[in-house]
């Protein structure tokens, strides 16, 4: 019984992947439908942000992180910061949007045959697709400004997979709770900001006093951010704590699926 439940947690998204992808693509298109440039913003936004971070932290603040690239020269601060912000955005978008994933689709909730568990996943997949385009911009910038791309960079998919599992589990939990606790829509943006500044995204771990390292350990972004940087900028394949992070992500994924399935029976009545 329990084994079958775990299997369903992974097979349900697989069986509905075409519908999830269709809804995710529609979600992305709706964001830019009324804009003049439309889908061009998918590339323009990360490119402009990368240029802004590079200018502020390298040209103005002259910040240094201490990571050296393949040539032995320091990796531009803007590139190091950019990868952390991209990963934060994946989780942040979920925290902000997941509480309304069910309440905003009342007509679908009352359809008995519709797989409601895919609704929170749509936002996650949408964020991952947008992040993929940001990584394309990042790789181009690495070649142009840093002069290298490690072959190991292809393994970036591993920490991304772990973060996707964790984020999906969180999305299911927040979507289910959002039906009953509407205040989550106001709380989650604040929590997203908290995650940004308690993970080594805009600063290196070495700057954090030892007394506050527990905040980094509690933040689910710490390991995927530092692991991704190690892969991209140092060619390191594995990172301390990576295995624990993947196990935790799988656990949160299954837990989130079970929590959502347990509460979904009352969705139609509450809405």
Protein backbone atom coordinates (compact mmCIF):
# COMPACT_ATOMS: atom_id res chain seq x y z
CA UNK A 1 0.00 0.00 0.00
CA UNK A 2 2.71 2.43 1.02
CA UNK A 3 4.93 1.36 -1.87
CA UNK A 4 2.06 1.91 -4.29
CA UNK A 5 1.54 5.40 -2.88
CA UNK A 6 5.19 6.30 -3.46
CA UNK A 7 5.04 4.92 -6.98
CA UNK A 8 1.96 7.06 -7.73
CA UNK A 9 3.84 10.14 -6.56
CA UNK A 10 6.24 9.67 -9.47
CA UNK A 11 3.97 8.04 -12.07
CA UNK A 12 1.19 10.64 -11.89
CA UNK A 13 3.37 13.49 -13.23
CA UNK A 14 4.80 11.12 -15.85
CA UNK A 15 1.37 10.08 -17.10
CA UNK A 16 0.26 13.71 -17.31
CA UNK A 17 3.49 15.28 -18.55
CA UNK A 18 1.97 16.48 -21.83
CA UNK A 19 -0.81 18.32 -19.99
CA UNK A 20 1.65 19.78 -17.47
CA UNK A 21 3.93 21.02 -20.25
CA UNK A 22 0.99 22.49 -22.16
CA UNK A 23 -0.26 24.38 -19.10
CA UNK A 24 3.27 25.55 -18.26
CA UNK A 25 3.79 26.90 -21.77
CA UNK A 26 0.42 28.65 -21.58
CA UNK A 27 1.37 30.10 -18.21
CA UNK A 28 4.58 31.55 -19.65
CA UNK A 29 2.85 32.96 -22.72
CA UNK A 30 0.18 34.64 -20.57
CA UNK A 31 2.86 36.50 -18.62
CA UNK A 32 4.10 38.28 -21.75
CA UNK A 33 0.96 38.22 -23.90
CA UNK A 34 0.18 41.93 -23.48
CA UNK A 35 3.80 43.13 -23.76
CA UNK A 36 5.28 44.59 -26.94
CA UNK A 37 8.31 42.28 -27.09
CA UNK A 38 6.39 39.20 -25.97
CA UNK A 39 8.53 36.07 -25.59
CA UNK A 40 11.70 38.08 -26.32
CA UNK A 41 11.61 39.01 -22.63
CA UNK A 42 12.43 35.40 -21.76
CA UNK A 43 15.98 36.09 -23.00
CA UNK A 44 16.02 39.85 -22.45
CA UNK A 45 15.24 39.72 -18.73
CA UNK A 46 18.10 37.42 -17.65
CA UNK A 47 20.49 39.22 -20.02
CA UNK A 48 19.62 42.63 -18.56
CA UNK A 49 19.81 41.31 -14.99
CA UNK A 50 23.21 39.74 -15.65
CA UNK A 51 24.46 43.03 -17.10
CA UNK A 52 23.10 44.93 -14.09
CA UNK A 53 24.66 42.58 -11.50
CA UNK A 54 28.00 42.66 -13.32
CA UNK A 55 28.03 46.45 -13.46
CA UNK A 56 27.03 47.03 -9.84
CA UNK A 57 29.15 44.37 -8.16
CA UNK A 58 32.20 44.38 -10.45
CA UNK A 59 32.49 47.89 -11.87
CA UNK A 60 31.06 49.88 -8.94
CA UNK A 61 31.55 47.83 -5.77
CA UNK A 62 34.54 45.88 -7.15
CA UNK A 63 33.40 42.81 -5.21
CA UNK A 64 35.41 39.60 -5.29
CA UNK A 65 34.20 36.10 -4.40
CA UNK A 66 37.46 34.19 -4.48
CA UNK A 67 36.58 31.50 -7.04
CA UNK A 68 39.15 31.04 -9.79
CA UNK A 69 38.25 29.72 -13.23
CA UNK A 70 40.06 27.34 -15.55
CA UNK A 71 42.55 30.07 -16.54
CA UNK A 72 43.42 30.86 -12.93
CA UNK A 73 41.80 34.30 -13.04
CA UNK A 74 38.90 35.21 -10.70
CA UNK A 75 35.41 34.35 -11.97
CA UNK A 76 33.39 37.55 -12.46
CA UNK A 77 31.23 38.26 -9.42
CA UNK A 78 28.17 38.87 -11.59
CA UNK A 79 28.25 35.29 -12.92
CA UNK A 80 28.55 33.80 -9.44
CA UNK A 81 25.69 35.92 -8.16
CA UNK A 82 23.52 35.21 -11.19
CA UNK A 83 23.42 31.42 -10.74
CA UNK A 84 22.36 31.82 -7.12
CA UNK A 85 19.57 34.21 -8.01
CA UNK A 86 18.29 31.93 -10.78
CA UNK A 87 17.97 29.01 -8.37
CA UNK A 88 16.35 31.22 -5.75
CA UNK A 89 13.80 32.39 -8.33
CA UNK A 90 12.71 28.79 -8.98
CA UNK A 91 11.84 28.25 -5.32
CA UNK A 92 10.65 31.82 -4.80
CA UNK A 93 8.12 31.66 -7.65
CA UNK A 94 6.71 28.50 -6.12
CA UNK A 95 6.41 30.01 -2.65
CA UNK A 96 4.59 33.04 -4.03
CA UNK A 97 2.29 31.32 -6.53
CA UNK A 98 1.59 27.85 -5.07
CA UNK A 99 -0.86 28.95 -2.33
CA UNK A 100 -3.27 30.12 -5.07
CA UNK A 101 -2.71 27.16 -7.42
CA UNK A 102 -6.00 25.51 -6.40
CA UNK A 103 -8.10 28.49 -5.34
CA UNK A 104 -7.53 30.19 -8.70
CA UNK A 105 -8.79 27.15 -10.62
CA UNK A 106 -12.15 26.54 -8.95
CA UNK A 107 -13.78 25.27 -12.16
CA UNK A 108 -11.13 22.56 -12.55
CA UNK A 109 -11.35 21.54 -8.89
CA UNK A 110 -14.99 20.57 -9.34
CA UNK A 111 -14.20 18.31 -12.28
CA UNK A 112 -13.94 14.82 -10.85
CA UNK A 113 -11.69 13.44 -13.60
CA UNK A 114 -9.15 16.27 -13.63
CA UNK A 115 -5.79 15.38 -11.98
CA UNK A 116 -5.59 18.26 -9.48
CA UNK A 117 -2.10 17.29 -8.36
CA UNK A 118 -0.65 18.68 -11.59
CA UNK A 119 -1.86 22.25 -10.93
CA UNK A 120 0.88 23.09 -8.38
CA UNK A 121 3.42 21.47 -10.71
CA UNK A 122 2.58 23.85 -13.55
CA UNK A 123 4.19 26.78 -11.76
CA UNK A 124 7.29 24.70 -10.96
CA UNK A 125 7.72 23.57 -14.57
CA UNK A 126 7.13 27.12 -15.78
CA UNK A 127 9.91 28.36 -13.48
CA UNK A 128 12.25 25.58 -14.62
CA UNK A 129 11.69 26.42 -18.29
CA UNK A 130 12.43 30.08 -17.61
CA UNK A 131 15.53 29.09 -15.61
CA UNK A 132 16.75 26.99 -18.55
CA UNK A 133 16.79 30.09 -20.74
CA UNK A 134 18.66 31.97 -18.01
CA UNK A 135 21.28 29.23 -17.99
CA UNK A 136 21.71 29.60 -21.75
CA UNK A 137 22.48 33.27 -21.15
CA UNK A 138 24.84 32.31 -18.31
CA UNK A 139 26.81 29.81 -20.43
CA UNK A 140 27.25 32.36 -23.20
CA UNK A 141 28.40 34.94 -20.65
CA UNK A 142 30.89 32.45 -19.18
CA UNK A 143 32.51 31.95 -22.57
CA UNK A 144 32.58 35.69 -23.32
CA UNK A 145 33.63 37.09 -19.92
CA UNK A 146 35.32 34.17 -18.13
CA UNK A 147 36.70 32.37 -21.18
CA UNK A 148 35.76 28.83 -20.15
CA UNK A 149 32.99 26.28 -19.68
CA UNK A 150 33.82 23.05 -17.87
CA UNK A 151 32.63 19.80 -19.50
CA UNK A 152 31.21 18.91 -16.09
CA UNK A 153 28.67 21.73 -16.49
CA UNK A 154 26.26 19.21 -18.00
CA UNK A 155 25.94 17.71 -14.50
CA UNK A 156 24.19 20.89 -13.37
CA UNK A 157 21.06 18.89 -14.12
CA UNK A 158 21.63 16.84 -10.93
CA UNK A 159 21.28 19.64 -8.34
CA UNK A 160 18.54 21.11 -10.53
CA UNK A 161 16.68 17.80 -10.36
CA UNK A 162 17.00 17.76 -6.58
CA UNK A 163 15.75 21.33 -6.32
CA UNK A 164 12.85 20.50 -8.67
CA UNK A 165 11.81 17.58 -6.44
CA UNK A 166 12.01 19.71 -3.30
CA UNK A 167 10.16 22.61 -4.90
CA UNK A 168 7.38 20.36 -6.20
CA UNK A 169 6.86 18.87 -2.75
CA UNK A 170 6.67 22.35 -1.25
CA UNK A 171 4.25 23.42 -4.01
CA UNK A 172 1.87 20.56 -3.17
CA UNK A 173 1.94 21.42 0.54
CA UNK A 174 1.37 25.14 -0.01
CA UNK A 175 -1.35 24.57 -2.63
CA UNK A 176 -3.27 22.31 -0.25
CA UNK A 177 -2.88 24.67 2.71
CA UNK A 178 -3.75 27.66 0.53
CA UNK A 179 -7.30 26.38 0.18
CA UNK A 180 -7.80 26.70 3.93
CA UNK A 181 -5.31 29.42 4.92
CA UNK A 182 -5.60 32.36 2.53
CA UNK A 183 -3.03 34.39 4.49
CA UNK A 184 -0.29 32.31 2.89
CA UNK A 185 -0.54 34.57 -0.16
CA UNK A 186 0.80 37.42 1.99
CA UNK A 187 3.23 35.40 4.10
CA UNK A 188 5.14 33.58 1.38
CA UNK A 189 6.70 36.64 -0.35
CA UNK A 190 8.24 37.59 3.01
CA UNK A 191 9.50 34.03 3.52
CA UNK A 192 10.98 34.09 0.02
CA UNK A 193 13.02 37.18 0.92
CA UNK A 194 14.16 35.46 4.12
CA UNK A 195 15.46 32.51 2.10
CA UNK A 196 17.37 34.86 -0.20
CA UNK A 197 19.38 36.46 2.58
CA UNK A 198 19.95 33.36 4.71
CA UNK A 199 21.60 31.43 1.87
CA UNK A 200 25.06 32.17 0.39
CA UNK A 201 23.59 33.80 -2.72
CA UNK A 202 24.70 37.42 -2.51
CA UNK A 203 27.66 36.66 -0.24
CA UNK A 204 30.11 33.73 0.22
CA UNK A 205 29.78 31.31 3.12
CA UNK A 206 33.15 32.49 4.47
CA UNK A 207 31.66 35.90 5.35
CA UNK A 208 29.10 34.38 7.73
CA UNK A 209 30.15 34.22 11.43
CA UNK A 210 30.28 30.70 12.83
CA UNK A 211 27.41 31.45 15.22
CA UNK A 212 25.06 31.91 12.26
CA UNK A 213 26.10 28.95 10.11
CA UNK A 214 23.02 27.10 11.34
CA UNK A 215 20.91 29.47 9.21
CA UNK A 216 22.78 28.32 6.11
CA UNK A 217 22.31 24.70 7.13
CA UNK A 218 18.54 25.17 7.51
CA UNK A 219 18.12 26.95 4.18
CA UNK A 220 17.17 24.46 1.41
CA UNK A 221 18.93 26.66 -1.17
CA UNK A 222 22.40 26.50 0.38
CA UNK A 223 23.53 23.15 -0.98
CA UNK A 224 22.04 23.39 -4.50
CA UNK A 225 23.46 26.93 -4.93
CA UNK A 226 26.96 26.04 -3.74
CA UNK A 227 26.89 22.69 -5.55
CA UNK A 228 25.88 24.36 -8.81
CA UNK A 229 28.67 26.93 -8.45
CA UNK A 230 31.20 24.17 -7.78
CA UNK A 231 30.11 22.38 -10.97
CA UNK A 232 30.03 25.47 -13.19
CA UNK A 233 33.03 27.43 -11.96
CA UNK A 234 35.36 24.79 -10.51
CA UNK A 235 34.48 21.63 -12.46
CA UNK A 236 33.73 19.78 -9.20
CA UNK A 237 31.30 16.91 -9.74
CA UNK A 238 30.17 16.30 -6.16
CA UNK A 239 29.65 18.52 -3.15
CA UNK A 240 29.61 17.76 0.60
CA UNK A 241 26.04 17.15 1.69
CA UNK A 242 24.79 16.64 -1.87
CA UNK A 243 23.57 13.10 -1.16
CA UNK A 244 21.67 14.22 1.92
CA UNK A 245 20.09 17.04 -0.08
CA UNK A 246 18.88 14.63 -2.78
CA UNK A 247 17.40 12.28 -0.16
CA UNK A 248 15.71 15.19 1.62
CA UNK A 249 14.32 16.45 -1.68
CA UNK A 250 12.85 13.03 -2.51
CA UNK A 251 11.34 12.83 0.98
CA UNK A 252 9.75 16.31 0.72
CA UNK A 253 8.44 15.40 -2.75
CA UNK A 254 6.68 12.25 -1.52
CA UNK A 255 5.52 13.95 1.69
CA UNK A 256 4.07 16.85 -0.30
CA UNK A 257 2.24 14.49 -2.65
CA UNK A 258 0.74 12.57 0.28
CA UNK A 259 -0.28 15.76 2.07
CA UNK A 260 -1.97 17.09 -1.06
CA UNK A 261 -3.81 13.82 -1.71
CA UNK A 262 -5.02 13.74 1.89
CA UNK A 263 -6.54 17.24 1.79
CA UNK A 264 -7.82 17.33 -1.78
CA UNK A 265 -11.01 15.45 -0.89
CA UNK A 266 -12.41 18.58 0.77
CA UNK A 267 -11.27 21.13 -1.83
CA UNK A 268 -14.56 21.29 -3.72
CA UNK A 269 -16.57 21.74 -0.51
CA UNK A 270 -14.34 24.52 0.82
CA UNK A 271 -14.27 26.39 -2.47
